[in-house]
């Protein structure tokens, strides 16, 4: 199997080395070809320096770096990584390793006939009350509008490279609704989708930016926009 692993990173100097070590360990042992794409979102700490150190050590075929000239956010950074990916399977994860890479090989071995594999958090107990309310409310609105039963649209997804050009809507590629719109588009197609629940590992270092006011606003705004233009 071949895989491209996309890691968006903004000011992740405290977490990047551990994330790269973990991704390298499991990719090296389980995949015939792999690449790890670090998308540096204009970090102002040593994130880019660390990424380049790993690239020097492991080579530019295995560690690829995409540098954003300015901070554009996680969604657009992910999409740049997806577009640059070269291998048949694509996976992404937070540099804080909210999903444990050790599960990746087994998931793909068991679901090689799938087109999209949605990893869902078993619970959100590590979230504070505000983030929990926003996250759960967002999911419930999506499921209400689109008659789905997916419990997580913004954790981790594994999918075939061919889906990138087919189901990402460019009008959402610069917003927090990037992955939810992609998942909804695939669900409406005839592609095979699998949902699996795994433990969520809370951030131990650095600062989370996913629950910023801007991301919350654009997420709910674009959910409404998408729902009215794509009625089930």
Foldseek 3Di string as FASTA:
>chain_A
DEEEEEEEDAQPPVQQVVLVVQLCVQCVVFDPYYAYEYEYQPHPDCPVVVLVVVCVVPHCRHRPYHYDPHHQDDLLSVLVSLVPDDDFKYKYAYSLCQDRCNCVRVVCVVPVQAAKEAEDAPDDVVDDPVVRCLLQVLQVVLCVLAVDDARHQPGMMMGTSVLSVPQQDVVCSRALCRRVSSVSSCVVDPGGYHYDYDHGDDGDDDDDDCPPPRRSVRSVVVSVVCSVVDGD
